[in-house]
N, C-alpha and C. Protein backbone atom coordinates (compact mmCIF):
# COMPACT_ATOMS: atom_id res chain seq x y z
N MET A 1 6.98 101.95 33.31
CA MET A 1 6.11 101.06 34.09
C MET A 1 5.40 100.08 33.16
N LEU A 2 5.45 98.82 33.51
CA LEU A 2 4.74 97.80 32.75
C LEU A 2 3.24 97.90 33.01
N LYS A 3 2.46 97.78 31.94
CA LYS A 3 1.00 97.71 32.06
C LYS A 3 0.52 96.46 31.33
N ILE A 4 -0.34 95.70 31.99
CA ILE A 4 -0.92 94.52 31.37
C ILE A 4 -2.44 94.65 31.34
N TYR A 5 -2.99 94.55 30.13
CA TYR A 5 -4.44 94.46 29.96
C TYR A 5 -4.82 92.98 29.99
N PHE A 6 -5.64 92.61 30.95
CA PHE A 6 -6.14 91.24 31.05
C PHE A 6 -7.53 91.19 30.43
N VAL A 7 -7.73 90.22 29.55
CA VAL A 7 -9.00 90.12 28.82
C VAL A 7 -9.57 88.72 28.96
N ARG A 8 -10.82 88.64 29.36
CA ARG A 8 -11.50 87.35 29.36
C ARG A 8 -12.00 87.06 27.94
N HIS A 9 -11.99 85.80 27.56
CA HIS A 9 -12.44 85.42 26.22
C HIS A 9 -13.89 85.82 25.96
N ALA A 10 -14.24 85.90 24.69
CA ALA A 10 -15.61 86.19 24.28
C ALA A 10 -16.53 85.03 24.65
N GLU A 11 -17.82 85.31 24.62
CA GLU A 11 -18.80 84.27 24.90
C GLU A 11 -18.59 83.08 23.97
N ALA A 12 -18.52 81.88 24.57
CA ALA A 12 -18.33 80.65 23.81
C ALA A 12 -19.55 79.76 24.01
N MET A 13 -19.58 78.66 23.27
CA MET A 13 -20.77 77.81 23.30
C MET A 13 -21.02 77.22 24.69
N GLY A 14 -19.97 77.01 25.46
CA GLY A 14 -20.16 76.54 26.83
C GLY A 14 -20.89 77.54 27.68
N ASN A 15 -20.66 78.85 27.44
CA ASN A 15 -21.39 79.89 28.15
C ASN A 15 -22.86 79.90 27.75
N VAL A 16 -23.12 79.71 26.47
CA VAL A 16 -24.49 79.73 25.97
C VAL A 16 -25.27 78.51 26.45
N GLN A 17 -24.67 77.35 26.32
CA GLN A 17 -25.34 76.10 26.68
C GLN A 17 -25.22 75.79 28.17
N GLU A 18 -24.46 76.60 28.87
CA GLU A 18 -24.32 76.56 30.32
C GLU A 18 -23.89 75.19 30.84
N PHE A 19 -22.73 74.75 30.34
CA PHE A 19 -22.09 73.58 30.91
C PHE A 19 -20.70 73.97 31.38
N PHE A 20 -20.08 73.10 32.19
CA PHE A 20 -18.74 73.42 32.69
C PHE A 20 -17.75 73.35 31.54
N GLN A 21 -17.21 74.50 31.17
CA GLN A 21 -16.40 74.61 29.96
C GLN A 21 -14.94 74.26 30.21
N GLY A 22 -14.36 74.80 31.27
CA GLY A 22 -13.00 74.45 31.66
C GLY A 22 -12.03 74.25 30.51
N ARG A 23 -11.52 73.03 30.40
CA ARG A 23 -10.58 72.70 29.33
C ARG A 23 -11.29 72.21 28.05
N THR A 24 -12.63 72.18 28.05
CA THR A 24 -13.37 71.82 26.84
C THR A 24 -13.19 72.94 25.83
N ASP A 25 -12.70 72.60 24.65
CA ASP A 25 -12.24 73.62 23.69
C ASP A 25 -13.37 74.06 22.77
N CYS A 26 -14.19 74.98 23.25
CA CYS A 26 -15.38 75.44 22.54
C CYS A 26 -15.08 76.62 21.61
N GLU A 27 -15.83 76.68 20.52
CA GLU A 27 -15.80 77.85 19.64
C GLU A 27 -16.60 78.98 20.28
N ILE A 28 -16.36 80.21 19.84
CA ILE A 28 -17.15 81.33 20.32
C ILE A 28 -18.56 81.26 19.73
N SER A 29 -19.50 81.90 20.38
CA SER A 29 -20.89 81.93 19.95
C SER A 29 -21.11 83.09 18.97
N PRO A 30 -22.29 83.15 18.32
CA PRO A 30 -22.59 84.32 17.48
C PRO A 30 -22.53 85.63 18.26
N LYS A 31 -23.05 85.63 19.49
CA LYS A 31 -22.93 86.85 20.31
C LYS A 31 -21.47 87.14 20.61
N GLY A 32 -20.70 86.08 20.85
CA GLY A 32 -19.28 86.27 21.11
C GLY A 32 -18.58 86.96 19.95
N ALA A 33 -18.97 86.63 18.73
CA ALA A 33 -18.38 87.28 17.56
C ALA A 33 -18.68 88.77 17.55
N ARG A 34 -19.87 89.13 17.97
CA ARG A 34 -20.22 90.55 18.04
C ARG A 34 -19.47 91.24 19.18
N GLN A 35 -19.30 90.54 20.27
CA GLN A 35 -18.49 91.09 21.36
C GLN A 35 -17.07 91.40 20.89
N LEU A 36 -16.53 90.51 20.06
CA LEU A 36 -15.16 90.69 19.58
C LEU A 36 -15.03 91.90 18.67
N GLU A 37 -16.06 92.21 17.92
CA GLU A 37 -16.02 93.42 17.09
C GLU A 37 -15.88 94.65 17.98
N CYS A 38 -16.62 94.68 19.08
CA CYS A 38 -16.53 95.81 20.02
C CYS A 38 -15.17 95.84 20.72
N LEU A 39 -14.67 94.67 21.07
CA LEU A 39 -13.38 94.59 21.75
C LEU A 39 -12.26 95.10 20.84
N ALA A 40 -12.30 94.73 19.58
CA ALA A 40 -11.28 95.19 18.64
C ALA A 40 -11.25 96.71 18.57
N GLU A 41 -12.41 97.32 18.55
CA GLU A 41 -12.46 98.79 18.50
C GLU A 41 -11.93 99.40 19.80
N ARG A 42 -12.19 98.74 20.91
CA ARG A 42 -11.67 99.25 22.18
C ARG A 42 -10.15 99.29 22.17
N PHE A 43 -9.52 98.30 21.55
CA PHE A 43 -8.06 98.22 21.55
C PHE A 43 -7.40 98.89 20.35
N ARG A 44 -8.19 99.49 19.47
CA ARG A 44 -7.64 100.08 18.25
C ARG A 44 -6.49 101.04 18.54
N ASP A 45 -6.67 101.92 19.52
CA ASP A 45 -5.68 102.97 19.77
C ASP A 45 -4.87 102.74 21.04
N ILE A 46 -4.95 101.55 21.60
CA ILE A 46 -4.11 101.22 22.76
C ILE A 46 -2.78 100.66 22.24
N PRO A 47 -1.66 101.22 22.66
CA PRO A 47 -0.36 100.84 22.09
C PRO A 47 0.16 99.50 22.61
N ILE A 48 -0.53 98.43 22.26
CA ILE A 48 -0.13 97.10 22.69
C ILE A 48 1.16 96.69 21.98
N GLU A 49 2.12 96.16 22.73
CA GLU A 49 3.40 95.74 22.15
C GLU A 49 3.56 94.23 22.08
N ARG A 50 2.86 93.50 22.92
CA ARG A 50 2.87 92.03 22.88
C ARG A 50 1.51 91.51 23.33
N ILE A 51 1.17 90.33 22.82
CA ILE A 51 -0.08 89.68 23.22
C ILE A 51 0.21 88.23 23.58
N TYR A 52 -0.22 87.85 24.78
CA TYR A 52 -0.10 86.47 25.25
C TYR A 52 -1.51 85.90 25.40
N SER A 53 -1.65 84.63 25.08
CA SER A 53 -2.98 84.02 25.15
C SER A 53 -2.91 82.56 25.56
N SER A 54 -3.92 82.14 26.31
CA SER A 54 -4.19 80.72 26.45
C SER A 54 -4.38 80.15 25.04
N PRO A 55 -3.98 78.90 24.80
CA PRO A 55 -4.04 78.35 23.45
C PRO A 55 -5.40 77.82 23.02
N MET A 56 -6.44 77.99 23.83
CA MET A 56 -7.74 77.44 23.48
C MET A 56 -8.44 78.29 22.41
N LYS A 57 -9.37 77.67 21.69
CA LYS A 57 -10.01 78.35 20.55
C LYS A 57 -10.65 79.67 20.96
N ARG A 58 -11.36 79.68 22.08
CA ARG A 58 -12.09 80.88 22.47
C ARG A 58 -11.15 82.01 22.88
N THR A 59 -9.98 81.68 23.43
CA THR A 59 -9.04 82.73 23.79
C THR A 59 -8.23 83.21 22.58
N ILE A 60 -7.88 82.30 21.69
CA ILE A 60 -7.16 82.72 20.49
C ILE A 60 -8.03 83.64 19.64
N SER A 61 -9.31 83.32 19.48
CA SER A 61 -10.21 84.20 18.74
C SER A 61 -10.27 85.57 19.38
N THR A 62 -10.27 85.61 20.71
CA THR A 62 -10.31 86.88 21.44
C THR A 62 -9.00 87.64 21.27
N ALA A 63 -7.88 86.94 21.35
CA ALA A 63 -6.58 87.58 21.15
C ALA A 63 -6.48 88.16 19.74
N GLU A 64 -7.04 87.47 18.77
CA GLU A 64 -7.02 87.98 17.39
C GLU A 64 -7.80 89.28 17.28
N ALA A 65 -8.88 89.41 18.03
CA ALA A 65 -9.64 90.67 18.03
C ALA A 65 -8.83 91.79 18.67
N VAL A 66 -8.19 91.50 19.81
CA VAL A 66 -7.32 92.49 20.45
C VAL A 66 -6.24 92.94 19.48
N ASN A 67 -5.78 92.03 18.65
CA ASN A 67 -4.66 92.25 17.73
C ASN A 67 -5.07 92.85 16.39
N LYS A 68 -6.36 93.06 16.17
CA LYS A 68 -6.86 93.42 14.84
C LYS A 68 -6.10 94.59 14.21
N TYR A 69 -5.80 95.60 14.98
CA TYR A 69 -5.15 96.81 14.44
C TYR A 69 -3.66 96.89 14.79
N HIS A 70 -3.07 95.78 15.26
CA HIS A 70 -1.69 95.84 15.73
C HIS A 70 -0.72 94.94 14.97
N GLY A 71 -1.18 93.86 14.40
CA GLY A 71 -0.31 93.00 13.59
C GLY A 71 0.80 92.33 14.36
N LEU A 72 0.53 91.94 15.60
CA LEU A 72 1.56 91.31 16.43
C LEU A 72 1.45 89.79 16.37
N GLU A 73 2.52 89.13 16.76
CA GLU A 73 2.46 87.69 16.98
C GLU A 73 1.66 87.43 18.25
N ILE A 74 0.78 86.44 18.22
CA ILE A 74 0.07 86.02 19.42
C ILE A 74 0.87 84.89 20.06
N ILE A 75 1.38 85.15 21.25
CA ILE A 75 2.24 84.19 21.95
C ILE A 75 1.36 83.27 22.79
N ARG A 76 1.32 82.00 22.44
CA ARG A 76 0.47 81.03 23.15
C ARG A 76 1.20 80.53 24.39
N ASN A 77 0.48 80.55 25.49
CA ASN A 77 1.07 80.14 26.77
C ASN A 77 0.12 79.17 27.46
N GLU A 78 0.54 77.92 27.56
CA GLU A 78 -0.29 76.86 28.14
C GLU A 78 -0.66 77.15 29.60
N LYS A 79 0.17 77.93 30.28
CA LYS A 79 -0.08 78.18 31.69
C LYS A 79 -1.22 79.17 31.93
N LEU A 80 -1.74 79.77 30.86
CA LEU A 80 -2.86 80.71 30.97
C LEU A 80 -4.21 80.03 30.75
N VAL A 81 -4.22 78.70 30.67
CA VAL A 81 -5.47 77.97 30.39
C VAL A 81 -6.42 78.04 31.58
N GLU A 82 -7.67 77.64 31.32
CA GLU A 82 -8.69 77.61 32.36
C GLU A 82 -8.47 76.44 33.31
N ILE A 83 -9.17 76.48 34.44
CA ILE A 83 -9.14 75.38 35.40
C ILE A 83 -9.54 74.08 34.71
N ASN A 84 -8.87 73.00 35.07
CA ASN A 84 -9.25 71.68 34.59
C ASN A 84 -10.39 71.19 35.47
N GLY A 85 -11.58 71.03 34.88
CA GLY A 85 -12.76 70.67 35.64
C GLY A 85 -12.91 69.19 35.92
N GLY A 86 -11.94 68.37 35.50
CA GLY A 86 -11.99 66.94 35.81
C GLY A 86 -13.31 66.32 35.40
N VAL A 87 -13.96 65.63 36.35
CA VAL A 87 -15.21 64.92 36.04
C VAL A 87 -16.37 65.88 35.77
N TRP A 88 -16.20 67.17 36.05
CA TRP A 88 -17.25 68.15 35.73
C TRP A 88 -17.20 68.60 34.27
N GLU A 89 -16.11 68.35 33.58
CA GLU A 89 -15.95 68.87 32.22
C GLU A 89 -17.14 68.46 31.33
N GLY A 90 -17.73 69.45 30.67
CA GLY A 90 -18.82 69.22 29.74
C GLY A 90 -20.17 68.94 30.39
N MET A 91 -20.23 68.96 31.71
CA MET A 91 -21.47 68.64 32.42
C MET A 91 -22.35 69.90 32.54
N PRO A 92 -23.65 69.81 32.24
CA PRO A 92 -24.53 70.97 32.40
C PRO A 92 -24.53 71.46 33.85
N TRP A 93 -24.48 72.77 34.02
CA TRP A 93 -24.46 73.32 35.38
C TRP A 93 -25.69 72.90 36.17
N ILE A 94 -26.82 72.73 35.51
CA ILE A 94 -28.05 72.36 36.21
C ILE A 94 -27.95 70.96 36.84
N ASP A 95 -27.09 70.12 36.26
CA ASP A 95 -26.95 68.74 36.77
C ASP A 95 -25.90 68.60 37.86
N ILE A 96 -24.97 69.53 37.92
CA ILE A 96 -23.83 69.38 38.83
C ILE A 96 -24.26 69.30 40.30
N PRO A 97 -25.15 70.19 40.79
CA PRO A 97 -25.53 70.08 42.22
C PRO A 97 -26.19 68.76 42.57
N LYS A 98 -26.85 68.13 41.61
CA LYS A 98 -27.52 66.86 41.87
C LYS A 98 -26.51 65.72 41.95
N ARG A 99 -25.51 65.76 41.09
CA ARG A 99 -24.55 64.66 41.01
C ARG A 99 -23.38 64.83 41.96
N TYR A 100 -23.02 66.08 42.24
CA TYR A 100 -21.87 66.36 43.10
C TYR A 100 -22.24 67.45 44.12
N PRO A 101 -23.19 67.15 45.01
CA PRO A 101 -23.69 68.19 45.93
C PRO A 101 -22.61 68.75 46.86
N LYS A 102 -21.74 67.90 47.39
CA LYS A 102 -20.71 68.39 48.31
C LYS A 102 -19.72 69.30 47.60
N GLU A 103 -19.26 68.87 46.43
CA GLU A 103 -18.29 69.67 45.68
C GLU A 103 -18.91 70.98 45.20
N TYR A 104 -20.18 70.91 44.82
CA TYR A 104 -20.84 72.13 44.34
C TYR A 104 -21.03 73.13 45.48
N GLU A 105 -21.33 72.64 46.66
CA GLU A 105 -21.47 73.53 47.82
C GLU A 105 -20.16 74.27 48.09
N VAL A 106 -19.04 73.57 47.92
CA VAL A 106 -17.75 74.22 48.09
C VAL A 106 -17.53 75.25 47.00
N TRP A 107 -17.83 74.89 45.75
CA TRP A 107 -17.67 75.83 44.62
C TRP A 107 -18.47 77.11 44.87
N GLU A 108 -19.68 76.96 45.38
CA GLU A 108 -20.56 78.10 45.60
C GLU A 108 -20.13 78.96 46.79
N ASN A 109 -19.70 78.34 47.86
CA ASN A 109 -19.52 79.06 49.12
C ASN A 109 -18.07 79.20 49.59
N ARG A 110 -17.20 78.28 49.16
CA ARG A 110 -15.79 78.34 49.56
C ARG A 110 -14.95 77.96 48.34
N MET A 111 -15.11 78.73 47.29
CA MET A 111 -14.49 78.37 46.02
C MET A 111 -12.99 78.16 46.15
N TYR A 112 -12.37 78.87 47.07
CA TYR A 112 -10.92 78.75 47.27
C TYR A 112 -10.50 77.35 47.70
N ASP A 113 -11.44 76.56 48.24
CA ASP A 113 -11.15 75.20 48.66
C ASP A 113 -11.60 74.15 47.64
N PHE A 114 -12.08 74.61 46.50
CA PHE A 114 -12.63 73.67 45.52
C PHE A 114 -11.54 72.80 44.91
N GLU A 115 -11.82 71.49 44.83
CA GLU A 115 -11.02 70.56 44.05
C GLU A 115 -11.95 69.45 43.60
N ILE A 116 -11.62 68.82 42.49
CA ILE A 116 -12.52 67.84 41.89
C ILE A 116 -11.72 66.66 41.34
N GLU A 117 -12.35 65.51 41.33
CA GLU A 117 -11.71 64.30 40.83
C GLU A 117 -11.19 64.48 39.40
N ASN A 118 -9.96 64.10 39.18
CA ASN A 118 -9.29 64.18 37.87
C ASN A 118 -9.11 65.61 37.37
N GLY A 119 -9.25 66.58 38.27
CA GLY A 119 -9.14 67.97 37.85
C GLY A 119 -8.09 68.74 38.62
N GLU A 120 -8.27 70.02 38.66
CA GLU A 120 -7.31 70.96 39.25
C GLU A 120 -8.02 71.72 40.37
N SER A 121 -7.35 71.96 41.46
CA SER A 121 -7.94 72.75 42.53
C SER A 121 -7.82 74.24 42.20
N VAL A 122 -8.70 75.03 42.81
CA VAL A 122 -8.63 76.49 42.62
C VAL A 122 -7.33 77.04 43.17
N ARG A 123 -6.84 76.48 44.25
CA ARG A 123 -5.55 76.93 44.79
C ARG A 123 -4.42 76.66 43.79
N GLN A 124 -4.49 75.55 43.09
CA GLN A 124 -3.48 75.27 42.05
C GLN A 124 -3.57 76.29 40.92
N VAL A 125 -4.78 76.68 40.53
CA VAL A 125 -4.96 77.69 39.50
C VAL A 125 -4.37 79.03 39.96
N TYR A 126 -4.64 79.39 41.20
CA TYR A 126 -4.11 80.63 41.78
C TYR A 126 -2.59 80.66 41.68
N GLU A 127 -1.93 79.59 42.10
CA GLU A 127 -0.47 79.54 42.07
C GLU A 127 0.05 79.49 40.63
N ARG A 128 -0.63 78.76 39.77
CA ARG A 128 -0.21 78.67 38.36
C ARG A 128 -0.30 80.02 37.66
N MET A 129 -1.41 80.72 37.86
CA MET A 129 -1.58 82.02 37.20
C MET A 129 -0.62 83.06 37.77
N LYS A 130 -0.42 83.03 39.07
CA LYS A 130 0.53 83.97 39.68
C LYS A 130 1.93 83.77 39.10
N ALA A 131 2.37 82.52 38.99
CA ALA A 131 3.69 82.23 38.45
C ALA A 131 3.77 82.59 36.96
N ALA A 132 2.73 82.26 36.20
CA ALA A 132 2.75 82.52 34.76
C ALA A 132 2.80 84.01 34.45
N VAL A 133 1.95 84.79 35.12
CA VAL A 133 1.92 86.22 34.84
C VAL A 133 3.17 86.92 35.36
N THR A 134 3.69 86.48 36.49
CA THR A 134 4.94 87.07 37.00
C THR A 134 6.08 86.83 36.01
N ALA A 135 6.13 85.64 35.42
CA ALA A 135 7.16 85.35 34.42
C ALA A 135 6.98 86.22 33.18
N ILE A 136 5.75 86.41 32.73
CA ILE A 136 5.48 87.28 31.59
C ILE A 136 5.87 88.72 31.92
N ALA A 137 5.51 89.17 33.11
CA ALA A 137 5.84 90.53 33.52
C ALA A 137 7.35 90.75 33.54
N ALA A 138 8.11 89.75 34.00
CA ALA A 138 9.57 89.88 34.10
C ALA A 138 10.20 90.05 32.72
N GLU A 139 9.54 89.58 31.67
CA GLU A 139 10.08 89.69 30.31
C GLU A 139 9.70 91.00 29.62
N ASN A 140 8.89 91.83 30.28
CA ASN A 140 8.29 92.95 29.55
C ASN A 140 8.34 94.27 30.30
N HIS A 141 9.41 94.51 31.03
CA HIS A 141 9.54 95.77 31.75
C HIS A 141 9.32 96.96 30.82
N GLY A 142 8.46 97.87 31.23
CA GLY A 142 8.24 99.11 30.49
C GLY A 142 7.29 99.01 29.32
N ARG A 143 6.82 97.82 29.01
CA ARG A 143 5.93 97.65 27.86
C ARG A 143 4.46 97.74 28.28
N THR A 144 3.61 97.83 27.27
CA THR A 144 2.16 97.70 27.43
C THR A 144 1.77 96.45 26.67
N ILE A 145 1.21 95.46 27.37
CA ILE A 145 0.93 94.18 26.74
C ILE A 145 -0.49 93.74 27.10
N ALA A 146 -0.94 92.68 26.43
CA ALA A 146 -2.26 92.10 26.72
C ALA A 146 -2.10 90.62 27.04
N VAL A 147 -2.91 90.14 27.96
CA VAL A 147 -2.96 88.73 28.33
C VAL A 147 -4.42 88.28 28.23
N VAL A 148 -4.68 87.27 27.43
CA VAL A 148 -6.04 86.79 27.21
C VAL A 148 -6.19 85.43 27.88
N SER A 149 -7.18 85.32 28.77
CA SER A 149 -7.34 84.08 29.52
C SER A 149 -8.82 83.82 29.78
N HIS A 150 -9.13 83.18 30.91
CA HIS A 150 -10.45 82.63 31.19
C HIS A 150 -11.00 83.13 32.52
N GLY A 151 -12.30 82.89 32.73
CA GLY A 151 -12.99 83.43 33.89
C GLY A 151 -12.40 83.06 35.23
N CYS A 152 -12.29 81.76 35.51
CA CYS A 152 -11.76 81.34 36.80
C CYS A 152 -10.28 81.67 36.92
N ALA A 153 -9.52 81.45 35.86
CA ALA A 153 -8.09 81.73 35.89
C ALA A 153 -7.82 83.20 36.18
N LEU A 154 -8.54 84.09 35.50
CA LEU A 154 -8.35 85.52 35.72
C LEU A 154 -8.86 85.96 37.09
N ARG A 155 -9.93 85.34 37.54
CA ARG A 155 -10.44 85.70 38.87
C ARG A 155 -9.39 85.41 39.93
N THR A 156 -8.72 84.28 39.84
CA THR A 156 -7.70 83.97 40.83
C THR A 156 -6.52 84.93 40.73
N TYR A 157 -6.10 85.28 39.50
CA TYR A 157 -4.96 86.19 39.38
C TYR A 157 -5.31 87.58 39.89
N LEU A 158 -6.50 88.06 39.59
CA LEU A 158 -6.88 89.40 40.05
C LEU A 158 -6.98 89.44 41.57
N CYS A 159 -7.34 88.31 42.18
CA CYS A 159 -7.33 88.22 43.64
C CYS A 159 -5.91 88.48 44.16
N TYR A 160 -4.94 87.84 43.54
CA TYR A 160 -3.54 88.07 43.92
C TYR A 160 -3.13 89.51 43.66
N ALA A 161 -3.49 90.04 42.48
CA ALA A 161 -3.08 91.40 42.12
C ALA A 161 -3.70 92.45 43.03
N MET A 162 -4.84 92.13 43.63
CA MET A 162 -5.48 93.04 44.58
C MET A 162 -4.86 92.94 45.97
N GLY A 163 -3.86 92.07 46.10
CA GLY A 163 -3.17 91.93 47.38
C GLY A 163 -3.94 91.11 48.40
N MET A 164 -4.84 90.26 47.91
CA MET A 164 -5.69 89.49 48.81
C MET A 164 -5.31 88.01 48.77
N PRO A 165 -5.49 87.31 49.87
CA PRO A 165 -5.28 85.86 49.86
C PRO A 165 -6.39 85.18 49.09
N ILE A 166 -6.16 83.94 48.71
CA ILE A 166 -7.14 83.20 47.93
C ILE A 166 -8.48 83.07 48.65
N GLU A 167 -8.47 83.14 49.98
CA GLU A 167 -9.72 83.05 50.75
C GLU A 167 -10.64 84.24 50.51
N ARG A 168 -10.15 85.31 49.88
CA ARG A 168 -10.98 86.47 49.56
C ARG A 168 -11.48 86.43 48.11
N LEU A 169 -11.43 85.26 47.49
CA LEU A 169 -11.77 85.15 46.07
C LEU A 169 -13.17 85.66 45.76
N LYS A 170 -14.12 85.43 46.66
CA LYS A 170 -15.49 85.88 46.42
C LYS A 170 -15.57 87.39 46.22
N ASP A 171 -14.65 88.14 46.83
CA ASP A 171 -14.67 89.60 46.71
C ASP A 171 -14.27 90.08 45.33
N VAL A 172 -13.69 89.21 44.52
CA VAL A 172 -13.24 89.60 43.18
C VAL A 172 -14.40 89.57 42.20
N GLY A 173 -15.24 88.58 42.27
CA GLY A 173 -16.38 88.47 41.37
C GLY A 173 -15.99 87.95 39.99
N TRP A 174 -17.01 87.54 39.23
CA TRP A 174 -16.79 87.07 37.86
C TRP A 174 -16.73 88.24 36.90
N SER A 175 -15.94 88.10 35.86
CA SER A 175 -15.89 89.11 34.81
C SER A 175 -16.82 88.71 33.67
N ASP A 176 -17.31 89.71 32.94
CA ASP A 176 -18.12 89.45 31.77
C ASP A 176 -17.23 88.90 30.66
N ASN A 177 -17.83 88.27 29.68
CA ASN A 177 -17.05 87.86 28.50
C ASN A 177 -16.55 89.09 27.77
N THR A 178 -15.26 89.11 27.46
CA THR A 178 -14.47 90.20 26.87
C THR A 178 -14.22 91.36 27.83
N ALA A 179 -14.57 91.22 29.10
CA ALA A 179 -14.26 92.28 30.06
C ALA A 179 -12.75 92.47 30.16
N VAL A 180 -12.34 93.69 30.47
CA VAL A 180 -10.93 94.09 30.49
C VAL A 180 -10.56 94.59 31.88
N SER A 181 -9.40 94.16 32.34
CA SER A 181 -8.80 94.69 33.57
C SER A 181 -7.42 95.23 33.24
N LEU A 182 -7.02 96.29 33.90
CA LEU A 182 -5.69 96.86 33.68
C LEU A 182 -4.91 96.84 34.99
N VAL A 183 -3.70 96.28 34.92
CA VAL A 183 -2.83 96.18 36.09
C VAL A 183 -1.48 96.79 35.73
N ALA A 184 -0.97 97.66 36.60
CA ALA A 184 0.36 98.26 36.42
C ALA A 184 1.33 97.61 37.41
N TYR A 185 2.59 97.55 37.02
CA TYR A 185 3.62 96.90 37.84
C TYR A 185 4.79 97.84 38.05
N ASP A 186 5.29 97.89 39.29
CA ASP A 186 6.47 98.70 39.55
C ASP A 186 7.73 97.90 39.19
N ASP A 187 8.89 98.46 39.47
CA ASP A 187 10.15 97.82 39.07
C ASP A 187 10.38 96.49 39.78
N ASN A 188 9.69 96.28 40.89
CA ASN A 188 9.80 95.01 41.61
C ASN A 188 8.69 94.04 41.24
N LEU A 189 7.94 94.38 40.20
CA LEU A 189 6.84 93.56 39.68
C LEU A 189 5.69 93.42 40.67
N VAL A 190 5.54 94.41 41.54
CA VAL A 190 4.40 94.44 42.44
C VAL A 190 3.21 95.01 41.68
N PRO A 191 2.09 94.26 41.61
CA PRO A 191 0.95 94.71 40.81
C PRO A 191 0.07 95.73 41.53
N LYS A 192 -0.54 96.61 40.73
CA LYS A 192 -1.52 97.57 41.24
C LYS A 192 -2.68 97.61 40.24
N ILE A 193 -3.88 97.34 40.72
CA ILE A 193 -5.07 97.37 39.86
C ILE A 193 -5.40 98.81 39.48
N ILE A 194 -5.52 99.07 38.17
CA ILE A 194 -5.98 100.37 37.69
C ILE A 194 -7.50 100.34 37.51
N PHE A 195 -7.99 99.33 36.83
CA PHE A 195 -9.43 99.06 36.81
C PHE A 195 -9.62 97.57 36.60
N ARG A 196 -10.83 97.09 36.93
CA ARG A 196 -11.07 95.65 36.97
C ARG A 196 -12.41 95.30 36.35
N ASN A 197 -12.41 94.26 35.50
CA ASN A 197 -13.64 93.68 34.95
C ASN A 197 -14.54 94.72 34.28
N ASN A 198 -13.93 95.55 33.46
CA ASN A 198 -14.68 96.62 32.79
C ASN A 198 -15.21 96.14 31.44
N ASN A 199 -16.50 96.32 31.21
CA ASN A 199 -17.11 95.91 29.94
C ASN A 199 -17.80 97.07 29.23
N ASP A 200 -17.27 98.27 29.38
CA ASP A 200 -17.90 99.46 28.80
C ASP A 200 -18.00 99.41 27.27
N HIS A 201 -17.22 98.55 26.62
CA HIS A 201 -17.29 98.44 25.17
C HIS A 201 -18.51 97.65 24.71
N LEU A 202 -19.21 97.00 25.65
CA LEU A 202 -20.39 96.20 25.32
C LEU A 202 -21.67 96.96 25.66
N THR A 203 -22.69 96.79 24.81
CA THR A 203 -24.03 97.23 25.19
C THR A 203 -24.62 96.19 26.15
N ASP A 204 -25.69 96.54 26.82
CA ASP A 204 -26.34 95.57 27.71
C ASP A 204 -26.78 94.34 26.93
N GLU A 205 -27.22 94.54 25.70
CA GLU A 205 -27.65 93.42 24.86
C GLU A 205 -26.51 92.43 24.62
N LEU A 206 -25.28 92.93 24.50
CA LEU A 206 -24.14 92.07 24.20
C LEU A 206 -23.48 91.50 25.45
N SER A 207 -23.89 91.94 26.62
CA SER A 207 -23.33 91.40 27.85
C SER A 207 -23.80 89.98 28.07
N THR A 208 -22.87 89.11 28.46
CA THR A 208 -23.25 87.75 28.85
C THR A 208 -23.76 87.72 30.28
N LEU A 209 -23.09 88.44 31.18
CA LEU A 209 -23.48 88.43 32.59
C LEU A 209 -24.91 88.93 32.80
N SER A 210 -25.34 89.86 31.97
CA SER A 210 -26.67 90.44 32.14
C SER A 210 -27.79 89.49 31.78
N HIS A 211 -27.47 88.44 31.02
CA HIS A 211 -28.54 87.60 30.48
C HIS A 211 -28.41 86.14 30.85
N SER A 212 -27.30 85.71 31.37
CA SER A 212 -27.11 84.31 31.70
C SER A 212 -27.75 83.96 33.04
N ALA A 213 -28.63 82.97 33.04
CA ALA A 213 -29.28 82.55 34.28
C ALA A 213 -28.24 82.01 35.26
N TRP A 214 -27.26 81.25 34.76
CA TRP A 214 -26.24 80.71 35.65
C TRP A 214 -25.42 81.83 36.28
N CYS A 215 -25.02 82.81 35.46
CA CYS A 215 -24.19 83.91 35.98
C CYS A 215 -24.94 84.68 37.05
N LYS A 216 -26.24 84.88 36.87
CA LYS A 216 -27.02 85.64 37.84
C LYS A 216 -27.09 84.91 39.18
N ASN A 217 -26.97 83.59 39.16
CA ASN A 217 -27.04 82.80 40.37
C ASN A 217 -25.70 82.72 41.11
N GLN A 218 -24.62 83.12 40.43
CA GLN A 218 -23.32 83.06 41.08
C GLN A 218 -23.16 84.18 42.08
N LYS A 219 -22.45 83.90 43.17
CA LYS A 219 -22.30 84.88 44.24
C LYS A 219 -20.95 85.57 44.15
């Protein structure tokens, strides 16, 4: 049976400064570096055979931590990138409701319908991640692998893996930085969630969700 560990990237400067990070290629924060030390220890004895990662700086740094005790090639996959935030890219979250009230209301309450000028819709992310992970799964029957990606991208994929339509996205929730989900696949590549958005390797001090004002406001 194939098993895939899905990992959200460590805290990056966009998380700290609370702007729309999306495709903005931010470095990890000092707290993110400490999160990665804990993540590496979590994966020390997990028999990972392959690692796939979004090619962005924050995900590659996270994949390197997953790989610390394994010595594998990190396979970069452009289809695992975060949502393209279009005109929201780099904009402080505090300013977005003022400048784009209609779009922000959709993001908050009907995220599955979100789309933005010069960007990518959440439905497009859902379909992109479903196709990307299914292709990865098809290449790795019987293996245990890791996939490192981003908050919105992983949220949409986990919605699919839970057997829910995109309209149930709110039920999935946001994952913490470096949180881990485990999904098993049968011979027909049908996913089954083993656990989701687990951050037991982090202390409360190292959690981003526990301390971010923006994260606390998300529904």
